[in-house]
């Protein structure tokens, strides 16, 4: 059985989608997946599903949900272990864990100077995403913090993949993507620095300067800070040359 949380919740058995029931039953499975191979007490499940005002039959309802899910997932997968329940699943069967492994391998390859391998692993990691993580539980407290963490992890992985592609000499190909990313995430200095570097390497120096000016204005107006040393690509030697040129032109005008 394979599980997906990097997008709408899903379970697949041999590639075939498994029916997971209604919203709260799916919420229960999501909580168990986020704590896979760990015992989750019934009291916590009740709290995650209903908050401070659970119905009187909350514990019984949890038992019903577990019974239904067990029929779909298999008795060996969903185990009753007082005082709660445990979802037993190999980490590689959950898309999040595959993503984290591939992203970690990509970062290691990048640190070792193997940009081609890094780009491949990071692209494989990002291909696992089907949409916003835990998207159907966007208003549920149990999912909000984890969804925010995963979205930050995805963006950091995108930045790592862009760095790997820059090192592989794909600057011109990246400009369009980076312009879109920078527009959607205007306060991420690393993305802005990567866009500046991609433009500079594409012989679009004036546009790189415009990006620096726009970034500085945005950071000052929104956060009250000047651009930091993070406003650079990760190919440090060439990035510093690009940044020096942009900043130098800015100061002279």
Protein backbone atom coordinates (compact mmCIF):
# COMPACT_ATOMS: atom_id res chain seq x y z
CA UNK A 1 0.00 0.00 0.00
CA UNK A 2 1.32 3.41 -0.99
CA UNK A 3 0.23 6.65 0.68
CA UNK A 4 0.34 10.23 -0.52
CA UNK A 5 0.10 13.45 1.48
CA UNK A 6 2.00 15.77 -0.90
CA UNK A 7 -1.31 16.88 -2.33
CA UNK A 8 -4.78 15.44 -1.58
CA UNK A 9 -4.64 12.44 0.74
CA UNK A 10 -4.54 9.19 -1.19
CA UNK A 11 -3.85 5.49 -0.73
CA UNK A 12 -3.09 3.11 -3.59
CA UNK A 13 -2.91 -0.65 -3.62
CA UNK A 14 -0.94 -1.83 -6.63
CA UNK A 15 -1.60 1.51 -8.29
CA UNK A 16 -5.36 1.32 -7.71
CA UNK A 17 -6.92 4.08 -5.58
CA UNK A 18 -8.38 2.92 -2.26
CA UNK A 19 -11.62 4.45 -0.92
CA UNK A 20 -10.84 6.17 2.36
CA UNK A 21 -14.30 7.29 3.49
CA UNK A 22 -15.57 10.67 4.64
CA UNK A 23 -13.74 13.78 5.77
CA UNK A 24 -13.21 12.86 9.41
CA UNK A 25 -12.21 9.30 8.65
CA UNK A 26 -9.67 10.67 6.19
CA UNK A 27 -8.52 13.14 8.83
CA UNK A 28 -7.87 10.28 11.22
CA UNK A 29 -5.78 8.50 8.60
CA UNK A 30 -3.86 11.71 7.93
CA UNK A 31 -2.98 12.06 11.61
CA UNK A 32 -1.80 8.46 11.70
CA UNK A 33 0.27 8.96 8.54
CA UNK A 34 1.94 12.04 9.98
CA UNK A 35 2.90 9.83 12.92
CA UNK A 36 3.52 6.63 10.98
CA UNK A 37 4.96 3.74 13.02
CA UNK A 38 4.29 5.63 16.23
CA UNK A 39 1.54 4.96 18.75
CA UNK A 40 -1.09 7.71 18.67
CA UNK A 41 -3.29 7.74 21.81
CA UNK A 42 -7.05 7.74 21.29
CA UNK A 43 -7.35 10.93 23.36
CA UNK A 44 -5.07 12.71 20.94
CA UNK A 45 -7.04 11.47 17.93
CA UNK A 46 -10.23 12.78 19.52
CA UNK A 47 -8.59 16.13 20.14
CA UNK A 48 -7.21 16.37 16.60
CA UNK A 49 -10.57 15.52 15.02
CA UNK A 50 -12.94 17.54 17.21
CA UNK A 51 -10.91 19.99 19.27
CA UNK A 52 -12.12 21.16 22.67
CA UNK A 53 -15.75 20.12 22.22
CA UNK A 54 -15.83 16.49 21.05
CA UNK A 55 -19.15 14.63 20.87
CA UNK A 56 -19.97 12.23 23.67
CA UNK A 57 -19.50 9.27 21.34
CA UNK A 58 -16.10 10.50 20.09
CA UNK A 59 -14.12 7.48 21.30
CA UNK A 60 -16.66 5.08 19.83
CA UNK A 61 -16.62 7.01 16.55
CA UNK A 62 -12.82 6.73 16.40
CA UNK A 63 -13.17 2.98 16.87
CA UNK A 64 -15.66 2.83 13.98
CA UNK A 65 -13.32 4.83 11.72
CA UNK A 66 -10.40 2.58 12.60
CA UNK A 67 -12.48 -0.53 11.90
CA UNK A 68 -13.46 0.79 8.46
CA UNK A 69 -9.93 1.82 7.58
CA UNK A 70 -8.58 -1.53 8.71
CA UNK A 71 -10.81 -3.25 6.18
CA UNK A 72 -9.36 -1.07 3.44
CA UNK A 73 -5.71 -1.03 4.53
CA UNK A 74 -5.35 -4.47 6.10
CA UNK A 75 -5.40 -5.64 9.71
CA UNK A 76 -1.61 -5.85 9.79
CA UNK A 77 -1.27 -2.18 8.79
CA UNK A 78 -3.56 -0.54 11.34
CA UNK A 79 -2.86 -1.95 14.78
CA UNK A 80 -4.74 -1.44 18.03
CA UNK A 81 -2.23 -0.96 20.83
CA UNK A 82 -3.64 0.53 24.04
CA UNK A 83 -3.97 3.37 24.70
CA UNK A 84 -4.32 4.05 20.97
CA UNK A 85 -3.52 3.01 17.42
CA UNK A 86 -0.47 2.60 15.22
CA UNK A 87 -0.20 2.72 11.44
CA UNK A 88 2.53 0.31 10.42
CA UNK A 89 4.02 1.23 7.05
CA UNK A 90 7.46 1.17 5.44
CA UNK A 91 8.73 4.77 5.11
CA UNK A 92 9.28 4.39 1.35
CA UNK A 93 5.55 3.73 0.96
CA UNK A 94 4.79 7.34 1.97
CA UNK A 95 5.53 9.99 -0.65
CA UNK A 96 6.77 12.44 1.98
CA UNK A 97 9.53 10.07 3.11
CA UNK A 98 10.57 9.37 -0.48
CA UNK A 99 10.68 13.10 -1.09
CA UNK A 100 12.83 13.74 1.98
CA UNK A 101 15.25 10.94 1.02
CA UNK A 102 15.65 12.15 -2.56
CA UNK A 103 15.97 15.78 -1.49
CA UNK A 104 18.62 14.80 1.04
CA UNK A 105 20.56 12.86 -1.60
CA UNK A 106 20.34 15.87 -3.88
CA UNK A 107 21.67 18.24 -1.24
CA UNK A 108 24.53 15.87 -0.49
CA UNK A 109 25.44 15.65 -4.17
CA UNK A 110 25.31 19.43 -4.43
CA UNK A 111 27.62 19.82 -1.44
CA UNK A 112 30.00 17.30 -3.02
CA UNK A 113 30.12 19.31 -6.25
CA UNK A 114 28.15 16.80 -8.36
CA UNK A 115 25.63 19.21 -9.82
CA UNK A 116 24.28 16.80 -12.47
CA UNK A 117 23.38 14.13 -9.93
CA UNK A 118 21.99 16.78 -7.59
CA UNK A 119 19.72 18.19 -10.29
CA UNK A 120 18.42 14.71 -11.14
CA UNK A 121 17.69 13.71 -7.53
CA UNK A 122 16.10 17.05 -6.66
CA UNK A 123 13.90 16.93 -9.76
CA UNK A 124 12.80 13.40 -8.84
CA UNK A 125 11.93 14.62 -5.35
CA UNK A 126 9.85 17.52 -6.61
CA UNK A 127 8.03 15.32 -9.13
CA UNK A 128 6.33 13.56 -6.20
CA UNK A 129 4.28 16.65 -5.40
CA UNK A 130 0.68 16.60 -6.67
CA UNK A 131 -0.39 19.91 -5.15
CA UNK A 132 -0.49 21.67 -1.79
CA UNK A 133 0.38 19.24 1.02
CA UNK A 134 -2.60 17.95 3.01
CA UNK A 135 -4.67 20.34 0.90
CA UNK A 136 -8.08 19.06 1.94
CA UNK A 137 -7.24 19.67 5.61
CA UNK A 138 -6.11 23.27 5.15
CA UNK A 139 -8.37 24.52 7.95
CA UNK A 140 -7.66 21.69 10.38
CA UNK A 141 -5.26 22.60 13.21
CA UNK A 142 -3.51 19.21 13.08
CA UNK A 143 -2.45 19.82 9.47
CA UNK A 144 -1.64 23.53 9.38
CA UNK A 145 1.79 23.52 11.01
CA UNK A 146 2.88 20.42 9.09
CA UNK A 147 1.59 21.80 5.79
CA UNK A 148 3.54 25.02 6.37
CA UNK A 149 6.69 23.02 7.18
CA UNK A 150 6.31 20.91 4.06
CA UNK A 151 5.72 23.92 1.83
CA UNK A 152 8.88 25.53 3.19
CA UNK A 153 10.77 22.29 2.58
CA UNK A 154 9.46 22.16 -0.99
CA UNK A 155 10.56 25.72 -1.69
CA UNK A 156 14.01 25.09 -0.23
CA UNK A 157 14.28 22.02 -2.46
CA UNK A 158 13.26 24.09 -5.49
CA UNK A 159 16.04 26.54 -4.60
CA UNK A 160 18.53 23.67 -4.31
CA UNK A 161 17.43 22.32 -7.71
CA UNK A 162 17.79 25.77 -9.27
CA UNK A 163 21.29 26.04 -7.81
CA UNK A 164 22.18 22.65 -9.30
CA UNK A 165 20.79 23.71 -12.69
CA UNK A 166 22.75 26.98 -12.53
CA UNK A 167 25.93 25.01 -11.89
CA UNK A 168 25.08 22.86 -14.91
CA UNK A 169 25.02 25.96 -17.12
CA UNK A 170 21.25 26.25 -17.58
CA UNK A 171 20.93 29.92 -16.61
CA UNK A 172 19.01 31.03 -19.71
CA UNK A 173 16.52 28.18 -19.35
CA UNK A 174 15.84 29.14 -15.74
CA UNK A 175 15.03 32.82 -16.17
CA UNK A 176 11.31 32.37 -16.88
CA UNK A 177 10.79 29.92 -14.03
CA UNK A 178 12.69 32.13 -11.60
CA UNK A 179 10.73 35.22 -12.59
CA UNK A 180 7.53 33.37 -11.72
CA UNK A 181 8.91 32.04 -8.45
CA UNK A 182 10.24 35.44 -7.40
CA UNK A 183 6.87 37.04 -8.14
CA UNK A 184 5.06 34.46 -6.00
CA UNK A 185 7.61 34.61 -3.18
CA UNK A 186 8.95 38.18 -3.20
CA UNK A 187 10.59 37.93 0.25
CA UNK A 188 12.76 34.88 -0.51
CA UNK A 189 16.19 36.42 -1.00
CA UNK A 190 17.77 33.23 -2.28
CA UNK A 191 15.30 33.01 -5.17
CA UNK A 192 15.87 36.68 -5.97
CA UNK A 193 19.62 36.15 -5.91
CA UNK A 194 19.30 33.15 -8.21
CA UNK A 195 17.19 35.20 -10.62
CA UNK A 196 19.83 37.94 -10.61
CA UNK A 197 22.55 35.40 -11.33
CA UNK A 198 20.56 33.72 -14.11
CA UNK A 199 19.95 37.10 -15.75
CA UNK A 200 23.59 38.11 -15.37
CA UNK A 201 24.81 34.89 -16.97
CA UNK A 202 22.28 35.40 -19.77
CA UNK A 203 23.88 38.80 -20.51
CA UNK A 204 20.84 40.66 -19.19
CA UNK A 205 22.74 42.80 -16.70
CA UNK A 206 20.31 45.71 -16.68
CA UNK A 207 17.47 43.39 -15.72
CA UNK A 208 19.61 41.87 -12.96
CA UNK A 209 20.12 45.36 -11.59
CA UNK A 210 16.36 45.98 -11.72
CA UNK A 211 15.79 42.80 -9.72
CA UNK A 212 18.26 43.95 -7.08
CA UNK A 213 16.59 47.35 -6.79
CA UNK A 214 13.12 45.81 -6.61
CA UNK A 215 14.29 43.31 -3.99
CA UNK A 216 15.84 46.02 -1.85
CA UNK A 217 12.67 48.14 -2.05
CA UNK A 218 10.47 45.18 -1.17
CA UNK A 219 12.58 44.12 1.81
CA UNK A 220 12.84 47.65 3.18
CA UNK A 221 9.12 48.35 2.79
CA UNK A 222 7.83 44.97 3.94
CA UNK A 223 10.36 43.96 6.59
CA UNK A 224 12.35 47.10 7.29
CA UNK A 225 15.67 45.40 6.43
CA UNK A 226 18.35 45.71 3.78
CA UNK A 227 19.22 42.75 1.54
CA UNK A 228 21.49 40.35 3.36
CA UNK A 229 24.42 38.21 2.26
CA UNK A 230 21.84 35.60 1.31
CA UNK A 231 21.04 37.61 -1.83
CA UNK A 232 23.30 35.50 -4.00
CA UNK A 233 23.34 32.23 -5.80
CA UNK A 234 24.99 29.18 -4.39
CA UNK A 235 27.75 29.07 -6.99
CA UNK A 236 29.59 31.36 -4.61
CA UNK A 237 32.56 32.53 -6.62
CA UNK A 238 30.63 33.60 -9.72
CA UNK A 239 27.67 34.72 -7.67
CA UNK A 240 29.83 37.18 -5.75
CA UNK A 241 31.09 38.65 -9.05
CA UNK A 242 27.52 39.10 -10.27
CA UNK A 243 26.38 40.62 -6.99
CA UNK A 244 29.38 42.96 -6.85
CA UNK A 245 28.64 44.20 -10.37
CA UNK A 246 24.96 44.80 -9.55
CA UNK A 247 25.61 46.49 -6.22
CA UNK A 248 28.45 48.55 -7.66
CA UNK A 249 26.25 49.86 -10.48
CA UNK A 250 23.52 50.61 -7.93
CA UNK A 251 25.85 52.67 -5.75
CA UNK A 252 27.27 54.65 -8.67
CA UNK A 253 23.85 55.83 -9.81
